[in-house]
Amino acid sequence: MISSLTVIDIQRETQEIKSYKNVPVSLINDHVVRLSVMTEPFYWHYHPNSDEIFLGVDGILCIDLEDRTVELAPGQLFTIPANVRHRTRPQGDRSVNLTFELAAMETIKS
């Protein structure tokens, strides 16, 4: 976890990563900011106790929902409310995104 009052260079932190990685980079109140490099699909799941916000940084992040797929480009933000079943995956070889969620978020595989 990177401490407060520290500049985090997302491009530098992710440029050499070639496989899946999801790590917390900052805390704000009772929430966490995670840096995710996607190289493969994540399993279908939902979060009963937290919304989840995705911010595209590099590549295209596909967010599969029950009825559609959202393609998130760099600079775009998308919120998934609690209890909504979803999965994430890169379009192509790799995508990078930031995720904002409750630090004590529960993940239920479905």
PDB file of N, CA and C in Angstrom:
ATOM      1  N   MET A   1       0.853  -1.173   0.000  1.00  0.00           N
ATOM      2  CA  MET A   1       0.000   0.000   0.000  1.00  0.00           C
ATOM      3  C   MET A   1       0.896   1.232   0.000  1.00  0.00           C
ATOM      4  N   ILE A   2       0.619   2.162  -0.869  1.00  0.00           N
ATOM      5  CA  ILE A   2       1.382   3.394  -0.935  1.00  0.00           C
ATOM      6  C   ILE A   2       0.794   4.390   0.061  1.00  0.00           C
ATOM      7  N   SER A   3       1.637   5.045   0.789  1.00  0.00           N
ATOM      8  CA  SER A   3       1.177   5.954   1.836  1.00  0.00           C
ATOM      9  C   SER A   3       0.652   7.264   1.258  1.00  0.00           C
ATOM     10  N   SER A   4      -0.061   8.001   2.090  1.00  0.00           N
ATOM     11  CA  SER A   4      -0.565   9.312   1.707  1.00  0.00           C
ATOM     12  C   SER A   4       0.596  10.247   1.385  1.00  0.00           C
ATOM     13  N   LEU A   5       0.303  11.318   0.689  1.00  0.00           N
ATOM     14  CA  LEU A   5       1.275  12.338   0.301  1.00  0.00           C
ATOM     15  C   LEU A   5       2.365  11.773  -0.608  1.00  0.00           C
ATOM     16  N   THR A   6       2.010  10.755  -1.394  1.00  0.00           N
ATOM     17  CA  THR A   6       2.925  10.137  -2.347  1.00  0.00           C
ATOM     18  C   THR A   6       2.314  10.214  -3.739  1.00  0.00           C
ATOM     19  N   VAL A   7       3.077  10.664  -4.717  1.00  0.00           N
ATOM     20  CA  VAL A   7       2.613  10.687  -6.098  1.00  0.00           C
ATOM     21  C   VAL A   7       2.727   9.275  -6.672  1.00  0.00           C
ATOM     22  N   ILE A   8       1.642   8.801  -7.283  1.00  0.00           N
ATOM     23  CA  ILE A   8       1.634   7.475  -7.905  1.00  0.00           C
ATOM     24  C   ILE A   8       1.588   7.679  -9.415  1.00  0.00           C
ATOM     25  N   ASP A   9       2.605   7.239 -10.116  1.00  0.00           N
ATOM     26  CA  ASP A   9       2.678   7.348 -11.572  1.00  0.00           C
ATOM     27  C   ASP A   9       2.129   6.061 -12.176  1.00  0.00           C
ATOM     28  N   ILE A  10       0.862   6.098 -12.559  1.00  0.00           N
ATOM     29  CA  ILE A  10       0.179   4.897 -13.051  1.00  0.00           C
ATOM     30  C   ILE A  10       0.868   4.327 -14.293  1.00  0.00           C
ATOM     31  N   GLN A  11       1.256   5.182 -15.229  1.00  0.00           N
ATOM     32  CA  GLN A  11       1.925   4.705 -16.442  1.00  0.00           C
ATOM     33  C   GLN A  11       3.230   3.985 -16.103  1.00  0.00           C
ATOM     34  N   ARG A  12       4.038   4.586 -15.240  1.00  0.00           N
ATOM     35  CA  ARG A  12       5.311   3.969 -14.862  1.00  0.00           C
ATOM     36  C   ARG A  12       5.092   2.657 -14.107  1.00  0.00           C
ATOM     37  N   GLU A  13       4.105   2.655 -13.210  1.00  0.00           N
ATOM     38  CA  GLU A  13       3.831   1.470 -12.391  1.00  0.00           C
ATOM     39  C   GLU A  13       3.364   0.282 -13.224  1.00  0.00           C
ATOM     40  N   THR A  14       2.747   0.545 -14.377  1.00  0.00           N
ATOM     41  CA  THR A  14       2.127  -0.549 -15.146  1.00  0.00           C
ATOM     42  C   THR A  14       2.839  -0.889 -16.453  1.00  0.00           C
ATOM     43  N   GLN A  15       3.769  -0.085 -16.912  1.00  0.00           N
ATOM     44  CA  GLN A  15       4.333  -0.277 -18.252  1.00  0.00           C
ATOM     45  C   GLN A  15       5.027  -1.617 -18.453  1.00  0.00           C
ATOM     46  N   GLU A  16       5.628  -2.181 -17.427  1.00  0.00           N
ATOM     47  CA  GLU A  16       6.353  -3.447 -17.569  1.00  0.00           C
ATOM     48  C   GLU A  16       5.527  -4.677 -17.179  1.00  0.00           C
ATOM     49  N   ILE A  17       4.311  -4.486 -16.702  1.00  0.00           N
ATOM     50  CA  ILE A  17       3.492  -5.618 -16.242  1.00  0.00           C
ATOM     51  C   ILE A  17       2.864  -6.320 -17.441  1.00  0.00           C
ATOM     52  N   LYS A  18       3.107  -7.610 -17.558  1.00  0.00           N
ATOM     53  CA  LYS A  18       2.624  -8.389 -18.699  1.00  0.00           C
ATOM     54  C   LYS A  18       1.596  -9.447 -18.308  1.00  0.00           C
ATOM     55  N   SER A  19       1.340  -9.628 -16.998  1.00  0.00           N
ATOM     56  CA  SER A  19       0.361 -10.616 -16.547  1.00  0.00           C
ATOM     57  C   SER A  19      -0.602  -9.956 -15.568  1.00  0.00           C
ATOM     58  N   TYR A  20      -1.676 -10.639 -15.238  1.00  0.00           N
ATOM     59  CA  TYR A  20      -2.723 -10.083 -14.377  1.00  0.00           C
ATOM     60  C   TYR A  20      -2.142  -9.598 -13.046  1.00  0.00           C
ATOM     61  N   LYS A  21      -2.563  -8.403 -12.657  1.00  0.00           N
ATOM     62  CA  LYS A  21      -2.144  -7.854 -11.362  1.00  0.00           C
ATOM     63  C   LYS A  21      -3.246  -6.933 -10.854  1.00  0.00           C
ATOM     64  N   ASN A  22      -3.597  -7.048  -9.583  1.00  0.00           N
ATOM     65  CA  ASN A  22      -4.611  -6.202  -8.964  1.00  0.00           C
ATOM     66  C   ASN A  22      -4.131  -5.892  -7.547  1.00  0.00           C
ATOM     67  N   VAL A  23      -3.734  -4.635  -7.331  1.00  0.00           N
ATOM     68  CA  VAL A  23      -3.144  -4.261  -6.040  1.00  0.00           C
ATOM     69  C   VAL A  23      -3.735  -2.950  -5.530  1.00  0.00           C
ATOM     70  N   PRO A  24      -3.911  -2.843  -4.221  1.00  0.00           N
ATOM     71  CA  PRO A  24      -4.337  -1.556  -3.659  1.00  0.00           C
ATOM     72  C   PRO A  24      -3.201  -0.546  -3.760  1.00  0.00           C
ATOM     73  N   VAL A  25      -3.544   0.688  -4.146  1.00  0.00           N
ATOM     74  CA  VAL A  25      -2.526   1.732  -4.240  1.00  0.00           C
ATOM     75  C   VAL A  25      -2.787   2.903  -3.303  1.00  0.00           C
ATOM     76  N   SER A  26      -4.033   2.999  -2.798  1.00  0.00           N
ATOM     77  CA  SER A  26      -4.338   4.102  -1.899  1.00  0.00           C
ATOM     78  C   SER A  26      -5.611   3.814  -1.119  1.00  0.00           C
ATOM     79  N   LEU A  27      -5.694   4.415   0.059  1.00  0.00           N
ATOM     80  CA  LEU A  27      -6.903   4.359   0.869  1.00  0.00           C
ATOM     81  C   LEU A  27      -7.472   5.763   0.990  1.00  0.00           C
ATOM     82  N   ILE A  28      -8.800   5.864   0.972  1.00  0.00           N
ATOM     83  CA  ILE A  28      -9.463   7.133   1.232  1.00  0.00           C
ATOM     84  C   ILE A  28     -10.669   6.834   2.110  1.00  0.00           C
ATOM     85  N   ASN A  29     -10.637   7.340   3.324  1.00  0.00           N
ATOM     86  CA  ASN A  29     -11.668   7.049   4.327  1.00  0.00           C
ATOM     87  C   ASN A  29     -11.829   5.540   4.445  1.00  0.00           C
ATOM     88  N   ASP A  30     -13.005   4.991   4.177  1.00  0.00           N
ATOM     89  CA  ASP A  30     -13.210   3.542   4.296  1.00  0.00           C
ATOM     90  C   ASP A  30     -13.205   2.848   2.930  1.00  0.00           C
ATOM     91  N   HIS A  31     -12.603   3.507   1.922  1.00  0.00           N
ATOM     92  CA  HIS A  31     -12.541   2.953   0.573  1.00  0.00           C
ATOM     93  C   HIS A  31     -11.090   2.719   0.138  1.00  0.00           C
ATOM     94  N   VAL A  32     -10.942   1.866  -0.860  1.00  0.00           N
ATOM     95  CA  VAL A  32      -9.629   1.552  -1.409  1.00  0.00           C
ATOM     96  C   VAL A  32      -9.634   1.876  -2.902  1.00  0.00           C
ATOM     97  N   VAL A  33      -8.479   2.300  -3.399  1.00  0.00           N
ATOM     98  CA  VAL A  33      -8.263   2.473  -4.832  1.00  0.00           C
ATOM     99  C   VAL A  33      -7.324   1.352  -5.249  1.00  0.00           C
ATOM    100  N   ARG A  34      -7.760   0.558  -6.222  1.00  0.00           N
ATOM    101  CA  ARG A  34      -6.954  -0.567  -6.706  1.00  0.00           C
ATOM    102  C   ARG A  34      -6.474  -0.292  -8.124  1.00  0.00           C
ATOM    103  N   LEU A  35      -5.263  -0.702  -8.413  1.00  0.00           N
ATOM    104  CA  LEU A  35      -4.698  -0.644  -9.756  1.00  0.00           C
ATOM    105  C   LEU A  35      -4.775  -2.047 -10.336  1.00  0.00           C
ATOM    106  N   SER A  36      -5.407  -2.170 -11.492  1.00  0.00           N
ATOM    107  CA  SER A  36      -5.601  -3.488 -12.088  1.00  0.00           C
ATOM    108  C   SER A  36      -5.062  -3.522 -13.508  1.00  0.00           C
ATOM    109  N   VAL A  37      -4.192  -4.489 -13.758  1.00  0.00           N
ATOM    110  CA  VAL A  37      -3.746  -4.795 -15.111  1.00  0.00           C
ATOM    111  C   VAL A  37      -4.436  -6.104 -15.476  1.00  0.00           C
ATOM    112  N   MET A  38      -5.308  -6.034 -16.472  1.00  0.00           N
ATOM    113  CA  MET A  38      -6.077  -7.211 -16.890  1.00  0.00           C
ATOM    114  C   MET A  38      -5.426  -7.841 -18.120  1.00  0.00           C
ATOM    115  N   THR A  39      -5.131  -9.135 -18.048  1.00  0.00           N
ATOM    116  CA  THR A  39      -4.600  -9.874 -19.200  1.00  0.00           C
ATOM    117  C   THR A  39      -5.452 -11.101 -19.494  1.00  0.00           C
ATOM    118  N   GLU A  40      -6.476 -11.300 -18.669  1.00  0.00           N
ATOM    119  CA  GLU A  40      -7.388 -12.445 -18.821  1.00  0.00           C
ATOM    120  C   GLU A  40      -8.700 -12.093 -18.135  1.00  0.00           C
ATOM    121  N   PRO A  41      -9.778 -12.797 -18.473  1.00  0.00           N
ATOM    122  CA  PRO A  41     -11.064 -12.498 -17.827  1.00  0.00           C
ATOM    123  C   PRO A  41     -11.048 -12.832 -16.339  1.00  0.00           C
ATOM    124  N   PHE A  42     -11.753 -12.016 -15.555  1.00  0.00           N
ATOM    125  CA  PHE A  42     -11.995 -12.294 -14.142  1.00  0.00           C
ATOM    126  C   PHE A  42     -13.329 -13.037 -14.070  1.00  0.00           C
ATOM    127  N   TYR A  43     -13.544 -13.832 -13.066  1.00  0.00           N
ATOM    128  CA  TYR A  43     -14.761 -14.643 -12.984  1.00  0.00           C
ATOM    129  C   TYR A  43     -16.012 -13.795 -12.699  1.00  0.00           C
ATOM    130  N   TRP A  44     -17.168 -14.352 -13.029  1.00  0.00           N
ATOM    131  CA  TRP A  44     -18.446 -13.696 -12.731  1.00  0.00           C
ATOM    132  C   TRP A  44     -18.606 -13.594 -11.222  1.00  0.00           C
ATOM    133  N   HIS A  45     -19.071 -12.423 -10.747  1.00  0.00           N
ATOM    134  CA  HIS A  45     -19.194 -12.195  -9.313  1.00  0.00           C
ATOM    135  C   HIS A  45     -20.096 -10.991  -9.054  1.00  0.00           C
ATOM    136  N   TYR A  46     -20.348 -10.741  -7.775  1.00  0.00           N
ATOM    137  CA  TYR A  46     -21.048  -9.527  -7.356  1.00  0.00           C
ATOM    138  C   TYR A  46     -20.562  -9.151  -5.961  1.00  0.00           C
ATOM    139  N   HIS A  47     -20.894  -7.921  -5.564  1.00  0.00           N
ATOM    140  CA  HIS A  47     -20.471  -7.403  -4.266  1.00  0.00           C
ATOM    141  C   HIS A  47     -21.725  -6.976  -3.496  1.00  0.00           C
ATOM    142  N   PRO A  48     -22.092  -7.702  -2.446  1.00  0.00           N
ATOM    143  CA  PRO A  48     -23.331  -7.383  -1.733  1.00  0.00           C
ATOM    144  C   PRO A  48     -23.247  -6.115  -0.876  1.00  0.00           C
ATOM    145  N   ASN A  49     -22.049  -5.669  -0.550  1.00  0.00           N
ATOM    146  CA  ASN A  49     -21.932  -4.554   0.394  1.00  0.00           C
ATOM    147  C   ASN A  49     -21.209  -3.326  -0.158  1.00  0.00           C
ATOM    148  N   SER A  50     -21.028  -3.255  -1.488  1.00  0.00           N
ATOM    149  CA  SER A  50     -20.319  -2.092  -2.034  1.00  0.00           C
ATOM    150  C   SER A  50     -20.610  -1.886  -3.506  1.00  0.00           C
ATOM    151  N   ASP A  51     -20.748  -0.615  -3.886  1.00  0.00           N
ATOM    152  CA  ASP A  51     -20.693  -0.259  -5.297  1.00  0.00           C
ATOM    153  C   ASP A  51     -19.231  -0.382  -5.716  1.00  0.00           C
ATOM    154  N   GLU A  52     -19.007  -0.390  -7.039  1.00  0.00           N
ATOM    155  CA  GLU A  52     -17.647  -0.485  -7.558  1.00  0.00           C
ATOM    156  C   GLU A  52     -17.538   0.464  -8.752  1.00  0.00           C
ATOM    157  N   ILE A  53     -16.516   1.301  -8.751  1.00  0.00           N
ATOM    158  CA  ILE A  53     -16.308   2.258  -9.837  1.00  0.00           C
ATOM    159  C   ILE A  53     -15.036   1.885 -10.584  1.00  0.00           C
ATOM    160  N   PHE A  54     -15.131   1.852 -11.911  1.00  0.00           N
ATOM    161  CA  PHE A  54     -13.990   1.566 -12.770  1.00  0.00           C
ATOM    162  C   PHE A  54     -13.634   2.819 -13.558  1.00  0.00           C
ATOM    163  N   LEU A  55     -12.331   3.138 -13.618  1.00  0.00           N
ATOM    164  CA  LEU A  55     -11.827   4.239 -14.427  1.00  0.00           C
ATOM    165  C   LEU A  55     -10.781   3.668 -15.385  1.00  0.00           C
ATOM    166  N   GLY A  56     -11.061   3.752 -16.690  1.00  0.00           N
ATOM    167  CA  GLY A  56     -10.133   3.241 -17.690  1.00  0.00           C
ATOM    168  C   GLY A  56      -8.870   4.086 -17.746  1.00  0.00           C
ATOM    169  N   VAL A  57      -7.711   3.409 -17.839  1.00  0.00           N
ATOM    170  CA  VAL A  57      -6.417   4.090 -17.903  1.00  0.00           C
ATOM    171  C   VAL A  57      -5.708   3.788 -19.224  1.00  0.00           C
ATOM    172  N   ASP A  58      -5.695   2.524 -19.641  1.00  0.00           N
ATOM    173  CA  ASP A  58      -4.988   2.113 -20.855  1.00  0.00           C
ATOM    174  C   ASP A  58      -5.699   0.918 -21.460  1.00  0.00           C
ATOM    175  N   GLY A  59      -5.817   0.866 -22.769  1.00  0.00           N
ATOM    176  CA  GLY A  59      -6.517  -0.221 -23.435  1.00  0.00           C
ATOM    177  C   GLY A  59      -8.013  -0.110 -23.201  1.00  0.00           C
ATOM    178  N   ILE A  60      -8.738  -1.154 -23.583  1.00  0.00           N
ATOM    179  CA  ILE A  60     -10.186  -1.196 -23.403  1.00  0.00           C
ATOM    180  C   ILE A  60     -10.517  -2.266 -22.362  1.00  0.00           C
ATOM    181  N   LEU A  61     -11.242  -1.879 -21.319  1.00  0.00           N
ATOM    182  CA  LEU A  61     -11.729  -2.814 -20.307  1.00  0.00           C
ATOM    183  C   LEU A  61     -13.173  -3.162 -20.644  1.00  0.00           C
ATOM    184  N   CYS A  62     -13.461  -4.431 -20.854  1.00  0.00           N
ATOM    185  CA  CYS A  62     -14.831  -4.884 -21.090  1.00  0.00           C
ATOM    186  C   CYS A  62     -15.437  -5.286 -19.748  1.00  0.00           C
ATOM    187  N   ILE A  63     -16.613  -4.748 -19.475  1.00  0.00           N
ATOM    188  CA  ILE A  63     -17.350  -5.096 -18.271  1.00  0.00           C
ATOM    189  C   ILE A  63     -18.620  -5.798 -18.721  1.00  0.00           C
ATOM    190  N   ASP A  64     -18.656  -7.108 -18.523  1.00  0.00           N
ATOM    191  CA  ASP A  64     -19.813  -7.905 -18.909  1.00  0.00           C
ATOM    192  C   ASP A  64     -20.858  -7.850 -17.808  1.00  0.00           C
ATOM    193  N   LEU A  65     -22.075  -7.485 -18.180  1.00  0.00           N
ATOM    194  CA  LEU A  65     -23.222  -7.494 -17.290  1.00  0.00           C
ATOM    195  C   LEU A  65     -24.176  -8.566 -17.787  1.00  0.00           C
ATOM    196  N   GLU A  66     -25.245  -8.815 -17.067  1.00  0.00           N
ATOM    197  CA  GLU A  66     -26.213  -9.841 -17.472  1.00  0.00           C
ATOM    198  C   GLU A  66     -26.791  -9.576 -18.864  1.00  0.00           C
ATOM    199  N   ASP A  67     -27.024  -8.294 -19.185  1.00  0.00           N
ATOM    200  CA  ASP A  67     -27.745  -7.967 -20.418  1.00  0.00           C
ATOM    201  C   ASP A  67     -26.939  -7.207 -21.466  1.00  0.00           C
ATOM    202  N   ARG A  68     -25.672  -6.894 -21.164  1.00  0.00           N
ATOM    203  CA  ARG A  68     -24.871  -6.143 -22.125  1.00  0.00           C
ATOM    204  C   ARG A  68     -23.410  -6.122 -21.693  1.00  0.00           C
ATOM    205  N   THR A  69     -22.569  -5.627 -22.594  1.00  0.00           N
ATOM    206  CA  THR A  69     -21.154  -5.429 -22.290  1.00  0.00           C
ATOM    207  C   THR A  69     -20.829  -3.954 -22.464  1.00  0.00           C
ATOM    208  N   VAL A  70     -20.165  -3.391 -21.473  1.00  0.00           N
ATOM    209  CA  VAL A  70     -19.711  -2.007 -21.521  1.00  0.00           C
ATOM    210  C   VAL A  70     -18.231  -2.039 -21.876  1.00  0.00           C
ATOM    211  N   GLU A  71     -17.830  -1.242 -22.881  1.00  0.00           N
ATOM    212  CA  GLU A  71     -16.424  -1.127 -23.253  1.00  0.00           C
ATOM    213  C   GLU A  71     -15.913   0.210 -22.730  1.00  0.00           C
ATOM    214  N   LEU A  72     -15.008   0.137 -21.766  1.00  0.00           N
ATOM    215  CA  LEU A  72     -14.513   1.325 -21.086  1.00  0.00           C
ATOM    216  C   LEU A  72     -13.145   1.718 -21.650  1.00  0.00           C
ATOM    217  N   ALA A  73     -13.073   2.882 -22.270  1.00  0.00           N
ATOM    218  CA  ALA A  73     -11.836   3.395 -22.857  1.00  0.00           C
ATOM    219  C   ALA A  73     -11.086   4.244 -21.828  1.00  0.00           C
ATOM    220  N   PRO A  74      -9.820   4.567 -22.088  1.00  0.00           N
ATOM    221  CA  PRO A  74      -9.076   5.435 -21.176  1.00  0.00           C
ATOM    222  C   PRO A  74      -9.814   6.757 -20.949  1.00  0.00           C
ATOM    223  N   GLY A  75      -9.887   7.145 -19.683  1.00  0.00           N
ATOM    224  CA  GLY A  75     -10.559   8.383 -19.312  1.00  0.00           C
ATOM    225  C   GLY A  75     -12.047   8.232 -19.074  1.00  0.00           C
ATOM    226  N   GLN A  76     -12.602   7.041 -19.291  1.00  0.00           N
ATOM    227  CA  GLN A  76     -14.028   6.810 -19.049  1.00  0.00           C
ATOM    228  C   GLN A  76     -14.235   6.124 -17.709  1.00  0.00           C
ATOM    229  N   LEU A  77     -15.359   6.436 -17.077  1.00  0.00           N
ATOM    230  CA  LEU A  77     -15.689   5.931 -15.746  1.00  0.00           C
ATOM    231  C   LEU A  77     -17.044   5.237 -15.795  1.00  0.00           C
ATOM    232  N   PHE A  78     -17.177   4.133 -15.060  1.00  0.00           N
ATOM    233  CA  PHE A  78     -18.427   3.376 -15.024  1.00  0.00           C
ATOM    234  C   PHE A  78     -18.643   2.836 -13.616  1.00  0.00           C
ATOM    235  N   THR A  79     -19.865   2.983 -13.099  1.00  0.00           N
ATOM    236  CA  THR A  79     -20.201   2.510 -11.757  1.00  0.00           C
ATOM    237  C   THR A  79     -21.104   1.294 -11.825  1.00  0.00           C
ATOM    238  N   ILE A  80     -20.772   0.284 -11.040  1.00  0.00           N
ATOM    239  CA  ILE A  80     -21.602  -0.907 -10.888  1.00  0.00           C
ATOM    240  C   ILE A  80     -22.175  -0.883  -9.477  1.00  0.00           C
ATOM    241  N   PRO A  81     -23.491  -0.817  -9.341  1.00  0.00           N
ATOM    242  CA  PRO A  81     -24.093  -0.815  -8.001  1.00  0.00           C
ATOM    243  C   PRO A  81     -23.886  -2.159  -7.289  1.00  0.00           C
ATOM    244  N   ALA A  82     -23.967  -2.132  -5.977  1.00  0.00           N
ATOM    245  CA  ALA A  82     -23.894  -3.367  -5.181  1.00  0.00           C
ATOM    246  C   ALA A  82     -24.932  -4.367  -5.691  1.00  0.00           C
ATOM    247  N   ASN A  83     -24.604  -5.633  -5.599  1.00  0.00           N
ATOM    248  CA  ASN A  83     -25.474  -6.762  -5.964  1.00  0.00           C
ATOM    249  C   ASN A  83     -25.685  -6.960  -7.449  1.00  0.00           C
ATOM    250  N   VAL A  84     -24.959  -6.249  -8.312  1.00  0.00           N
ATOM    251  CA  VAL A  84     -25.082  -6.450  -9.755  1.00  0.00           C
ATOM    252  C   VAL A  84     -23.991  -7.428 -10.204  1.00  0.00           C
ATOM    253  N   ARG A  85     -24.407  -8.544 -10.780  1.00  0.00           N
ATOM    254  CA  ARG A  85     -23.482  -9.581 -11.246  1.00  0.00           C
ATOM    255  C   ARG A  85     -22.718  -9.059 -12.467  1.00  0.00           C
ATOM    256  N   HIS A  86     -21.392  -9.281 -12.480  1.00  0.00           N
ATOM    257  CA  HIS A  86     -20.560  -8.791 -13.570  1.00  0.00           C
ATOM    258  C   HIS A  86     -19.235  -9.545 -13.620  1.00  0.00           C
ATOM    259  N   ARG A  87     -18.509  -9.314 -14.689  1.00  0.00           N
ATOM    260  CA  ARG A  87     -17.121  -9.766 -14.785  1.00  0.00           C
ATOM    261  C   ARG A  87     -16.377  -8.765 -15.648  1.00  0.00           C
ATOM    262  N   THR A  88     -15.065  -8.703 -15.487  1.00  0.00           N
ATOM    263  CA  THR A  88     -14.232  -7.800 -16.267  1.00  0.00           C
ATOM    264  C   THR A  88     -13.229  -8.608 -17.076  1.00  0.00           C
ATOM    265  N   ARG A  89     -12.831  -8.013 -18.211  1.00  0.00           N
ATOM    266  CA  ARG A  89     -11.853  -8.666 -19.075  1.00  0.00           C
ATOM    267  C   ARG A  89     -11.262  -7.607 -20.003  1.00  0.00           C
ATOM    268  N   PRO A  90     -10.025  -7.836 -20.460  1.00  0.00           N
ATOM    269  CA  PRO A  90      -9.442  -6.875 -21.394  1.00  0.00           C
ATOM    270  C   PRO A  90      -9.972  -7.143 -22.801  1.00  0.00           C
ATOM    271  N   GLN A  91     -10.055  -6.097 -23.593  1.00  0.00           N
ATOM    272  CA  GLN A  91     -10.282  -6.294 -25.016  1.00  0.00           C
ATOM    273  C   GLN A  91      -8.886  -6.334 -25.625  1.00  0.00           C
ATOM    274  N   GLY A  92      -8.524  -7.450 -26.182  1.00  0.00           N
ATOM    275  CA  GLY A  92      -7.151  -7.622 -26.662  1.00  0.00           C
ATOM    276  C   GLY A  92      -6.284  -8.208 -25.566  1.00  0.00           C
ATOM    277  N   ASP A  93      -4.993  -7.931 -25.638  1.00  0.00           N
ATOM    278  CA  ASP A  93      -4.030  -8.550 -24.725  1.00  0.00           C
ATOM    279  C   ASP A  93      -4.014  -7.971 -23.319  1.00  0.00           C
ATOM    280  N   ARG A  94      -4.398  -6.672 -23.172  1.00  0.00           N
ATOM    281  CA  ARG A  94      -4.162  -6.035 -21.877  1.00  0.00           C
ATOM    282  C   ARG A  94      -4.983  -4.757 -21.735  1.00  0.00           C
ATOM    283  N   SER A  95      -5.445  -4.515 -20.521  1.00  0.00           N
ATOM    284  CA  SER A  95      -6.058  -3.231 -20.185  1.00  0.00           C
ATOM    285  C   SER A  95      -5.607  -2.857 -18.768  1.00  0.00           C
ATOM    286  N   VAL A  96      -5.669  -1.554 -18.482  1.00  0.00           N
ATOM    287  CA  VAL A  96      -5.296  -1.045 -17.165  1.00  0.00           C
ATOM    288  C   VAL A  96      -6.438  -0.168 -16.678  1.00  0.00           C
ATOM    289  N   ASN A  97      -6.831  -0.353 -15.425  1.00  0.00           N
ATOM    290  CA  ASN A  97      -7.877   0.494 -14.858  1.00  0.00           C
ATOM    291  C   ASN A  97      -7.643   0.710 -13.367  1.00  0.00           C
ATOM    292  N   LEU A  98      -8.297   1.738 -12.852  1.00  0.00           N
ATOM    293  CA  LEU A  98      -8.364   1.968 -11.419  1.00  0.00           C
ATOM    294  C   LEU A  98      -9.758   1.577 -10.970  1.00  0.00           C
ATOM    295  N   THR A  99      -9.849   0.952  -9.802  1.00  0.00           N
ATOM    296  CA  THR A  99     -11.132   0.558  -9.236  1.00  0.00           C
ATOM    297  C   THR A  99     -11.248   1.200  -7.851  1.00  0.00           C
ATOM    298  N   PHE A 100     -12.416   1.766  -7.584  1.00  0.00           N
ATOM    299  CA  PHE A 100     -12.702   2.415  -6.306  1.00  0.00           C
ATOM    300  C   PHE A 100     -13.818   1.619  -5.637  1.00  0.00           C
ATOM    301  N   GLU A 101     -13.588   1.167  -4.397  1.00  0.00           N
ATOM    302  CA  GLU A 101     -14.563   0.303  -3.724  1.00  0.00           C
ATOM    303  C   GLU A 101     -14.364   0.366  -2.208  1.00  0.00           C
ATOM    304  N   LEU A 102     -15.361  -0.100  -1.488  1.00  0.00           N
ATOM    305  CA  LEU A 102     -15.278  -0.199  -0.039  1.00  0.00           C
ATOM    306  C   LEU A 102     -14.110  -1.105   0.331  1.00  0.00           C
ATOM    307  N   ALA A 103     -13.261  -0.675   1.260  1.00  0.00           N
ATOM    308  CA  ALA A 103     -12.094  -1.474   1.636  1.00  0.00           C
ATOM    309  C   ALA A 103     -12.487  -2.854   2.156  1.00  0.00           C
ATOM    310  N   ALA A 104     -13.624  -2.937   2.834  1.00  0.00           N
ATOM    311  CA  ALA A 104     -14.084  -4.223   3.375  1.00  0.00           C
ATOM    312  C   ALA A 104     -15.089  -4.896   2.423  1.00  0.00           C
ATOM    313  N   MET A 105     -14.978  -4.615   1.142  1.00  0.00           N
ATOM    314  CA  MET A 105     -15.910  -5.163   0.167  1.00  0.00           C
ATOM    315  C   MET A 105     -15.860  -6.682   0.137  1.00  0.00           C
ATOM    316  N   GLU A 106     -17.021  -7.275   0.034  1.00  0.00           N
ATOM    317  CA  GLU A 106     -17.152  -8.727  -0.063  1.00  0.00           C
ATOM    318  C   GLU A 106     -17.371  -9.081  -1.533  1.00  0.00           C
ATOM    319  N   THR A 107     -16.682 -10.117  -2.022  1.00  0.00           N
ATOM    320  CA  THR A 107     -16.836 -10.587  -3.394  1.00  0.00           C
ATOM    321  C   THR A 107     -17.422 -11.994  -3.361  1.00  0.00           C
ATOM    322  N   ILE A 108     -18.550 -12.169  -4.048  1.00  0.00           N
ATOM    323  CA  ILE A 108     -19.221 -13.466  -4.123  1.00  0.00           C
ATOM    324  C   ILE A 108     -19.112 -13.995  -5.537  1.00  0.00           C
ATOM    325  N   LYS A 109     -18.444 -15.128  -5.721  1.00  0.00           N
ATOM    326  CA  LYS A 109     -18.309 -15.755  -7.032  1.00  0.00           C
ATOM    327  C   LYS A 109     -19.672 -16.338  -7.403  1.00  0.00           C
ATOM    328  N   SER A 110     -20.083 -16.092  -8.661  1.00  0.00           N
ATOM    329  CA  SER A 110     -21.400 -16.609  -9.082  1.00  0.00           C
ATOM    330  C   SER A 110     -21.339 -17.214 -10.463  1.00  0.00           C
TER     331      SER A 110
END
